[in-house]
C-alpha cells in the first residue's frame, strides 16, 4: 500500500517575541473597544462581544507563550482523536503522515510606524533571523521528543524584498545571496526527490543559522500587509528585486504563498492595495510559470457587515483559470459547515473547465495559530473539515492531499 499524506499547507509557528505586539493590539483595535466599553450607553451592547474577543486573544496568547517545539507537540496532541491503529482518519480517508508548512512572516520591514500617545512610541524592529532560529530549534525539539512522530515540517521563508538590497553589505545579505544560500540547489525535480531532500534536512539544525543551507525551507512566503508590493511599477529599484525573486523561483519550481484576504496583520498604509489579487495579474503575465498560492481564497469582509464581497475571490478564480500553476487555499475560512457548502457551490457554479481547474488547485490549510481568534483549537478546525458533507471522500482527498502535494513538491 502506498503511503498517503495529509497536508496543512498554511499554518504558522511563532511566539510572542516575533511579531510587534503593539502593532497587534493596534490592528485588533482592542484599545478602542475597551474605551467604548467604558461609555455606559454602549457598554451593555459591547461587553459580551469584548469578553468573547478577549478570550479568543488570550487563547491565542496561551499558545504563543510556548516555545515552538511545544507548539508542534500541542498540534500533534490535537490530532490524537483522529489516529486509529497508527493511521490518521480524516474525511473517511486514512493517512500515514501529516505535512505542515509553517509560513514565516518578515515583521522587520523598514519604515515601521510608531504607536502614538506613549513615550517609547517607536515600534521595535523584528529581524527575521531570530524567528528562523526559534523555528528550527522547535522543529528539532519536535523531531527528538514526539512520541507519535506524525509530522513532517517544511517551513516557508518569509521575505519582504524591501528589506534587502541586490548587493549585500557588511551587515546584510543581498537578495540574490539569500536565495542562493537556501534555494540555490533546487531543481525542477520529481515529487519524491524534492520531498526526500526536505525530509533529510528536517530536525538537523545545529543551533547556528549559518549552517542552514538548501532544503531547509520548502518555499517562500510574502505578506503584502507588511509592506511587500507584488508589482511596484513606480519604483524601478524595487521592481528589479521582485522580478529577480519571481525569475529565480519560477526556474526552480519554488512555491510562493502570498496573503490574499483583506484581513490579517496589517501595518502598512497601502496594505489593501498591495494585497489585491489583481496585483498578481501583471506578475503572472510576465512570469506565467510561477508557482503561486493566493491564500485565503481572496476572502473579504462583508460590505456594511451584511453583504458578501466576492471581487477578490473572482479575481483569484480568473487567475487559476488562466495560469497552470496558480493555487488558492481556504485557510482561516472553514469555521463551520456552511463554508464548505458555499465552497462547493462556488466550484459547481463555474463553467465545467474552470470548475475542473478549481478542484485541482484548491488547498486545505488551517492558518493555525492565527485562526484561534475565531475558533477554539487546531482539533476543532480539523474536525469541522472531517465532518462536513459537501465534499465526498475523493473530493476531500483532492483538497488535503493530492493538490497540496503537487503544489509543494512537484
Protein backbone atom coordinates (compact mmCIF):
# COMPACT_ATOMS: atom_id res chain seq x y z
CA UNK A 1 0.00 0.00 0.00
CA UNK A 2 1.36 3.43 -0.95
CA UNK A 3 1.82 5.90 1.92
CA UNK A 4 -0.78 8.68 1.97
CA UNK A 5 -0.12 12.12 3.36
CA UNK A 6 -2.41 14.78 4.78
CA UNK A 7 -1.25 18.38 4.28
CA UNK A 8 -1.84 21.55 6.24
CA UNK A 9 -0.44 23.86 3.59
CA UNK A 10 -0.99 27.06 5.58
CA UNK A 11 -0.11 27.31 9.26
CA UNK A 12 2.16 29.39 11.46
CA UNK A 13 4.58 28.79 14.31
CA UNK A 14 5.63 31.94 16.14
CA UNK A 15 5.97 33.08 19.71
CA UNK A 16 5.43 36.41 21.44
CA UNK A 17 8.90 37.68 20.57
CA UNK A 18 8.37 37.52 16.80
CA UNK A 19 5.57 39.98 15.90
CA UNK A 20 5.20 43.51 17.21
CA UNK A 21 2.62 43.16 19.99
CA UNK A 22 1.92 46.88 19.95
CA UNK A 23 1.18 46.60 16.26
CA UNK A 24 -1.03 43.59 17.01
CA UNK A 25 -3.05 45.49 19.65
CA UNK A 26 -3.35 48.47 17.32
CA UNK A 27 -4.52 46.27 14.45
CA UNK A 28 -7.09 44.46 16.60
CA UNK A 29 -8.48 47.80 17.87
CA UNK A 30 -8.59 46.30 21.36
CA UNK A 31 -7.77 49.67 22.94
CA UNK A 32 -10.70 51.29 21.08
CA UNK A 33 -13.10 48.55 22.19
CA UNK A 34 -12.03 48.91 25.80
CA UNK A 35 -12.58 52.66 25.63
CA UNK A 36 -16.04 52.27 24.09
CA UNK A 37 -16.94 49.71 26.72
CA UNK A 38 -16.31 52.35 29.38
CA UNK A 39 -19.12 54.50 27.92
CA UNK A 40 -22.34 53.46 29.75
CA UNK A 41 -24.66 53.85 26.78
CA UNK A 42 -22.76 51.27 24.73
CA UNK A 43 -21.19 49.06 27.40
CA UNK A 44 -24.14 46.62 27.62
CA UNK A 45 -24.06 46.00 23.86
CA UNK A 46 -20.30 45.65 23.65
CA UNK A 47 -19.47 43.81 26.87
CA UNK A 48 -20.35 40.31 25.64
CA UNK A 49 -18.53 40.89 22.35
CA UNK A 50 -15.43 42.18 24.17
CA UNK A 51 -15.42 39.28 26.64
CA UNK A 52 -15.57 36.78 23.76
CA UNK A 53 -12.93 38.64 21.78
CA UNK A 54 -10.55 38.89 24.71
CA UNK A 55 -10.96 35.19 25.46
CA UNK A 56 -10.01 34.43 21.87
CA UNK A 57 -6.95 36.64 22.18
CA UNK A 58 -5.98 35.02 25.49
CA UNK A 59 -6.35 31.56 23.91
CA UNK A 60 -4.01 32.63 21.11
CA UNK A 61 -1.51 34.13 23.55
CA UNK A 62 -1.60 30.91 25.59
CA UNK A 63 -0.21 29.12 22.54
CA UNK A 64 2.24 31.90 21.65
CA UNK A 65 3.76 31.84 25.16
CA UNK A 66 5.24 28.39 24.38
CA UNK A 67 8.46 27.57 22.60
CA UNK A 68 7.83 26.35 19.08
CA UNK A 69 8.69 22.73 19.78
CA UNK A 70 5.88 22.67 22.31
CA UNK A 71 3.56 24.30 19.75
CA UNK A 72 4.13 21.41 17.34
CA UNK A 73 3.59 18.90 20.16
CA UNK A 74 0.36 20.72 21.06
CA UNK A 75 -0.84 20.43 17.45
CA UNK A 76 0.06 16.75 17.41
CA UNK A 77 -1.88 16.15 20.62
CA UNK A 78 -4.92 17.76 18.95
CA UNK A 79 -4.63 15.15 16.21
CA UNK A 80 -4.74 12.16 18.58
CA UNK A 81 -8.56 11.75 18.28
CA UNK A 82 -8.09 11.21 14.53
CA UNK A 83 -5.48 8.45 14.99
CA UNK A 84 -6.76 4.87 14.75
CA UNK A 85 -4.39 1.89 14.72
CA UNK A 86 -1.49 4.15 13.88
CA UNK A 87 -3.18 5.90 10.95
CA UNK A 88 -4.93 9.26 10.73
CA UNK A 89 -8.56 9.26 9.60
CA UNK A 90 -9.90 12.49 8.12
CA UNK A 91 -12.94 12.75 5.83
CA UNK A 92 -13.09 8.96 5.55
CA UNK A 93 -9.55 8.65 4.19
CA UNK A 94 -6.60 7.21 6.12
CA UNK A 95 -3.22 8.95 6.16
CA UNK A 96 0.19 7.85 7.39
CA UNK A 97 1.82 11.26 7.78
CA UNK A 98 0.96 14.95 8.09
CA UNK A 99 2.98 17.64 6.32
CA UNK A 100 2.98 21.08 7.93
CA UNK A 101 4.32 24.15 6.16
CA UNK A 102 4.71 26.88 8.82
CA UNK A 103 4.78 30.19 6.98
CA UNK A 104 7.24 32.69 8.36
CA UNK A 105 6.38 36.40 8.26
CA UNK A 106 9.02 39.08 7.82
CA UNK A 107 7.91 41.54 10.51
CA UNK A 108 11.14 43.54 10.36
CA UNK A 109 10.25 45.82 7.49
CA UNK A 110 11.86 49.23 7.05
CA UNK A 111 9.80 52.28 7.97
CA UNK A 112 7.99 50.61 10.91
CA UNK A 113 5.43 53.13 12.08
CA UNK A 114 5.15 54.33 15.66
CA UNK A 115 2.42 53.91 18.26
CA UNK A 116 1.04 57.37 19.17
CA UNK A 117 0.44 58.61 22.68
CA UNK A 118 3.17 56.69 24.53
CA UNK A 119 6.70 57.72 25.44
CA UNK A 120 8.53 54.79 23.80
CA UNK A 121 6.46 55.14 20.67
CA UNK A 122 8.81 53.76 18.02
CA UNK A 123 7.91 50.11 17.45
CA UNK A 124 10.94 47.81 17.65
CA UNK A 125 12.35 46.23 14.53
CA UNK A 126 11.82 42.48 14.31
CA UNK A 127 14.66 40.86 12.32
CA UNK A 128 13.57 37.53 10.90
CA UNK A 129 16.84 35.81 11.86
CA UNK A 130 15.62 35.33 15.45
CA UNK A 131 12.37 33.80 14.19
CA UNK A 132 14.34 31.42 11.96
CA UNK A 133 16.47 30.22 14.87
CA UNK A 134 13.44 29.70 17.12
CA UNK A 135 11.53 27.83 14.42
CA UNK A 136 14.33 25.41 13.56
CA UNK A 137 15.07 24.79 17.22
CA UNK A 138 11.36 23.98 17.59
CA UNK A 139 11.44 21.54 14.68
CA UNK A 140 14.50 19.83 16.16
CA UNK A 141 12.80 19.55 19.56
CA UNK A 142 9.68 18.07 17.97
CA UNK A 143 11.69 15.54 15.93
CA UNK A 144 13.54 14.39 19.05
CA UNK A 145 10.68 14.28 21.56
CA UNK A 146 7.49 13.36 19.69
CA UNK A 147 6.03 10.01 20.64
CA UNK A 148 3.74 9.75 17.60
CA UNK A 149 6.07 11.36 15.05
CA UNK A 150 3.13 12.31 12.82
CA UNK A 151 4.58 15.49 11.32
CA UNK A 152 6.96 16.35 8.55
CA UNK A 153 7.62 20.10 8.96
CA UNK A 154 8.81 22.15 5.98
CA UNK A 155 8.87 25.91 6.63
CA UNK A 156 8.41 28.69 4.10
CA UNK A 157 10.92 31.54 4.45
CA UNK A 158 9.27 34.93 4.91
CA UNK A 159 10.74 37.53 2.56
CA UNK A 160 9.98 41.21 2.08
CA UNK A 161 12.20 42.38 -0.76
CA UNK A 162 12.17 45.92 0.68
CA UNK A 163 14.39 44.64 3.49
CA UNK A 164 17.15 43.59 1.10
CA UNK A 165 19.44 45.18 -1.44
CA UNK A 166 20.54 43.41 -4.58
CA UNK A 167 24.12 43.74 -3.38
CA UNK A 168 24.99 42.50 0.08
CA UNK A 169 26.58 44.74 2.70
CA UNK A 170 28.73 44.05 5.74
CA UNK A 171 25.60 43.80 7.89
CA UNK A 172 23.10 42.34 5.45
CA UNK A 173 22.89 39.58 2.86
CA UNK A 174 21.76 40.71 -0.55
CA UNK A 175 18.62 39.19 -2.03
CA UNK A 176 20.49 37.05 -4.62
CA UNK A 177 22.81 35.74 -1.90
CA UNK A 178 19.89 34.90 0.39
CA UNK A 179 18.04 32.98 -2.32
CA UNK A 180 21.17 31.20 -3.48
CA UNK A 181 22.03 30.11 0.07
CA UNK A 182 18.67 28.48 0.80
CA UNK A 183 17.36 27.53 -2.65
CA UNK A 184 20.34 27.51 -4.99
CA UNK A 185 20.40 23.73 -5.48
CA UNK A 186 16.65 23.38 -6.06
CA UNK A 187 15.88 21.77 -9.39
CA UNK A 188 12.62 21.08 -11.28
CA UNK A 189 12.92 17.63 -9.69
CA UNK A 190 10.35 14.91 -9.24
CA UNK A 191 7.85 15.00 -6.41
CA UNK A 192 9.53 12.18 -4.46
CA UNK A 193 13.03 13.61 -4.93
CA UNK A 194 12.15 17.02 -3.52
CA UNK A 195 10.28 15.57 -0.58
CA UNK A 196 13.15 13.22 0.25
CA UNK A 197 15.66 16.09 0.29
CA UNK A 198 13.42 18.21 2.52
CA UNK A 199 12.85 15.28 4.89
CA UNK A 200 16.58 14.64 5.03
CA UNK A 201 17.15 18.18 6.33
CA UNK A 202 14.31 18.15 8.89
CA UNK A 203 15.39 18.30 12.52
CA UNK A 204 19.09 18.58 11.69
CA UNK A 205 19.52 22.20 12.83
CA UNK A 206 22.69 22.68 14.89
CA UNK A 207 21.64 25.95 16.53
CA UNK A 208 23.79 28.08 14.20
CA UNK A 209 21.85 29.81 11.42
CA UNK A 210 24.98 29.85 9.29
CA UNK A 211 24.67 26.07 8.97
CA UNK A 212 21.25 26.24 7.30
CA UNK A 213 21.51 25.53 3.61
CA UNK A 214 19.47 24.17 0.70
CA UNK A 215 16.24 22.31 1.52
CA UNK A 216 15.95 23.88 4.96
CA UNK A 217 12.92 25.72 3.52
CA UNK A 218 10.30 24.34 1.13
CA UNK A 219 9.12 27.68 -0.26
CA UNK A 220 8.73 31.41 0.24
CA UNK A 221 6.02 33.44 2.00
CA UNK A 222 5.35 37.07 1.04
CA UNK A 223 2.96 39.26 3.02
CA UNK A 224 1.67 42.46 1.38
CA UNK A 225 0.01 43.95 4.52
CA UNK A 226 3.52 44.33 5.99
CA UNK A 227 4.67 46.38 3.00
CA UNK A 228 5.53 43.86 0.26
CA UNK A 229 4.33 45.21 -3.10
CA UNK A 230 3.99 42.36 -5.64
CA UNK A 231 4.45 44.74 -8.57
CA UNK A 232 5.99 48.13 -7.61
CA UNK A 233 5.65 49.62 -11.08
CA UNK A 234 6.68 53.13 -9.98
CA UNK A 235 9.85 52.03 -8.19
CA UNK A 236 12.41 50.65 -10.64
CA UNK A 237 14.82 49.54 -7.90
CA UNK A 238 12.16 47.58 -6.05
CA UNK A 239 10.70 46.23 -9.30
CA UNK A 240 14.10 44.78 -10.20
CA UNK A 241 14.17 42.91 -6.89
CA UNK A 242 10.71 41.35 -7.20
CA UNK A 243 11.43 40.41 -10.81
CA UNK A 244 14.61 38.67 -9.66
CA UNK A 245 12.64 36.80 -6.98
CA UNK A 246 10.00 35.61 -9.47
CA UNK A 247 12.53 34.54 -12.10
CA UNK A 248 14.56 32.64 -9.52
CA UNK A 249 11.51 30.82 -8.11
CA UNK A 250 9.93 30.03 -11.48
CA UNK A 251 13.13 28.48 -12.80
CA UNK A 252 13.47 26.21 -9.74
CA UNK A 253 9.75 25.47 -9.19
CA UNK A 254 9.90 27.06 -5.73
CA UNK A 255 6.35 27.60 -4.41
CA UNK A 256 5.34 31.05 -3.16
CA UNK A 257 2.42 31.60 -0.79
CA UNK A 258 1.01 35.12 -0.55
CA UNK A 259 -1.57 36.51 1.88
CA UNK A 260 -4.70 37.27 -0.16
CA UNK A 261 -7.50 38.49 2.11
CA UNK A 262 -8.37 41.96 3.35
CA UNK A 263 -7.91 40.79 6.96
CA UNK A 264 -4.72 39.79 8.71
CA UNK A 265 -1.90 41.62 10.44
CA UNK A 266 -1.97 44.99 8.69
CA UNK A 267 0.65 47.64 9.41
CA UNK A 268 1.31 49.31 6.04
CA UNK A 269 -0.76 52.23 4.79
CA UNK A 270 -1.22 50.57 1.39
CA UNK A 271 -1.96 47.12 2.78
CA UNK A 272 -5.24 46.72 0.86
CA UNK A 273 -3.84 47.94 -2.45
CA UNK A 274 -0.79 45.67 -2.16
CA UNK A 275 -2.95 42.64 -1.24
CA UNK A 276 -5.48 42.97 -4.09
CA UNK A 277 -5.08 39.81 -6.24
CA UNK A 278 -5.24 41.97 -9.37
CA UNK A 279 -1.67 42.94 -8.47
CA UNK A 280 -0.65 39.40 -9.43
CA UNK A 281 -2.18 39.62 -12.91
CA UNK A 282 0.76 41.75 -14.05
CA UNK A 283 3.24 39.45 -12.28
CA UNK A 284 1.85 36.32 -13.91
CA UNK A 285 1.67 37.89 -17.35
CA UNK A 286 5.45 38.31 -17.08
CA UNK A 287 6.13 35.07 -15.18
CA UNK A 288 3.45 32.56 -16.19
CA UNK A 289 5.47 29.60 -14.84
CA UNK A 290 5.46 30.97 -11.28
CA UNK A 291 4.02 28.51 -8.75
CA UNK A 292 1.78 30.68 -6.58
CA UNK A 293 -0.74 30.10 -3.78
CA UNK A 294 -3.14 33.05 -3.33
CA UNK A 295 -4.04 32.23 0.27
CA UNK A 296 -7.47 32.57 1.92
CA UNK A 297 -9.23 32.44 -1.50
CA UNK A 298 -9.41 36.25 -1.68
CA UNK A 299 -11.60 36.46 1.44
CA UNK A 300 -13.08 39.93 2.08
CA UNK A 301 -15.10 41.40 4.91
CA UNK A 302 -18.79 41.85 4.18
CA UNK A 303 -19.97 45.24 2.95
CA UNK A 304 -21.78 47.02 5.79
CA UNK A 305 -21.30 43.79 7.76
CA UNK A 306 -24.13 42.15 5.79
CA UNK A 307 -23.45 41.65 2.09
CA UNK A 308 -20.72 39.30 0.84
CA UNK A 309 -17.96 40.83 -1.27
CA UNK A 310 -16.52 38.43 -3.80
CA UNK A 311 -14.47 40.62 -6.16
CA UNK A 312 -11.17 39.25 -4.89
CA UNK A 313 -12.43 35.67 -4.97
CA UNK A 314 -13.50 36.13 -8.59
CA UNK A 315 -10.08 37.59 -9.41
CA UNK A 316 -8.41 34.54 -7.84
CA UNK A 317 -10.63 32.21 -9.87
CA UNK A 318 -9.74 34.12 -13.02
CA UNK A 319 -6.01 33.72 -12.39
CA UNK A 320 -6.43 29.99 -11.69
CA UNK A 321 -8.36 29.63 -14.94
CA UNK A 322 -5.65 31.44 -16.94
CA UNK A 323 -2.42 30.10 -15.42
CA UNK A 324 -1.39 26.49 -14.88
CA UNK A 325 0.49 26.93 -11.61
CA UNK A 326 -1.79 29.21 -9.58
CA UNK A 327 -3.46 27.74 -6.48
CA UNK A 328 -5.53 29.01 -3.57
CA UNK A 329 -6.05 27.77 -0.02
CA UNK A 330 -9.04 28.24 2.27
CA UNK A 331 -7.09 28.68 5.50
CA UNK A 332 -8.86 30.70 8.20
CA UNK A 333 -12.17 30.21 6.35
CA UNK A 334 -13.60 26.79 7.25
CA UNK A 335 -15.08 27.65 10.64
CA UNK A 336 -18.45 25.98 10.03
CA UNK A 337 -20.10 23.54 7.66
CA UNK A 338 -21.77 26.40 5.83
CA UNK A 339 -18.39 27.46 4.46
CA UNK A 340 -17.97 24.11 2.72
CA UNK A 341 -21.47 24.39 1.28
CA UNK A 342 -20.56 27.79 -0.19
CA UNK A 343 -17.20 26.50 -1.47
CA UNK A 344 -18.93 23.57 -3.18
CA UNK A 345 -21.47 25.94 -4.77
CA UNK A 346 -18.66 28.22 -5.98
CA UNK A 347 -16.97 25.32 -7.77
CA UNK A 348 -20.18 23.95 -9.28
CA UNK A 349 -21.31 27.40 -10.46
CA UNK A 350 -18.27 27.73 -12.74
CA UNK A 351 -18.18 26.57 -16.36
CA UNK A 352 -17.07 22.94 -16.35
CA UNK A 353 -13.49 23.60 -17.50
CA UNK A 354 -12.91 26.24 -14.81
CA UNK A 355 -14.64 24.12 -12.19
CA UNK A 356 -12.32 21.23 -13.00
CA UNK A 357 -9.30 23.51 -12.60
CA UNK A 358 -10.55 24.75 -9.24
CA UNK A 359 -10.92 21.19 -7.96
CA UNK A 360 -7.25 20.62 -8.77
CA UNK A 361 -5.93 23.90 -7.32
CA UNK A 362 -7.73 24.40 -4.00
CA UNK A 363 -5.63 23.54 -0.95
CA UNK A 364 -6.55 22.69 2.62
CA UNK A 365 -5.00 24.96 5.26
CA UNK A 366 -5.85 25.97 8.80
CA UNK A 367 -3.95 29.22 9.49
CA UNK A 368 -3.20 27.87 12.95
CA UNK A 369 -2.32 29.60 15.30
CA UNK A 370 -3.83 32.82 13.94
CA UNK A 371 -7.19 31.08 13.46
CA UNK A 372 -7.55 30.86 17.25
CA UNK A 373 -9.03 34.36 17.07
CA UNK A 374 -12.12 32.65 15.56
CA UNK A 375 -12.01 29.03 16.73
CA UNK A 376 -11.03 27.16 19.89
CA UNK A 377 -8.38 24.72 18.71
CA UNK A 378 -6.46 23.06 15.91
CA UNK A 379 -8.55 19.95 16.56
CA UNK A 380 -11.81 21.87 16.10
CA UNK A 381 -10.81 23.18 12.65
CA UNK A 382 -9.82 19.68 11.51
CA UNK A 383 -13.00 18.19 12.97
CA UNK A 384 -15.24 20.60 11.05
CA UNK A 385 -13.46 19.69 7.81
CA UNK A 386 -13.64 15.98 8.55
CA UNK A 387 -17.38 16.07 9.35
CA UNK A 388 -18.56 18.34 6.51
CA UNK A 389 -20.90 16.69 3.99
CA UNK A 390 -20.28 18.75 0.86
CA UNK A 391 -17.03 17.18 -0.32
CA UNK A 392 -17.12 13.41 -0.55
CA UNK A 393 -14.13 11.20 0.27
CA UNK A 394 -12.34 11.53 -3.08
CA UNK A 395 -13.01 15.28 -3.35
CA UNK A 396 -11.77 15.89 0.20
CA UNK A 397 -8.66 13.83 -0.51
CA UNK A 398 -8.02 16.04 -3.53
CA UNK A 399 -8.10 19.19 -1.35
CA UNK A 400 -5.98 17.96 1.56
CA UNK A 401 -3.56 15.59 -0.14
CA UNK A 402 -3.26 15.46 -3.94
CA UNK A 403 -3.42 19.21 -4.64
CA UNK A 404 -1.05 20.39 -1.87
CA UNK A 405 1.36 17.59 -2.65
CA UNK A 406 1.59 18.84 -6.23
CA UNK A 407 1.94 22.48 -5.14
CA UNK A 408 4.64 21.76 -2.61
CA UNK A 409 6.80 19.07 -4.17
CA UNK A 410 6.21 18.75 -7.91
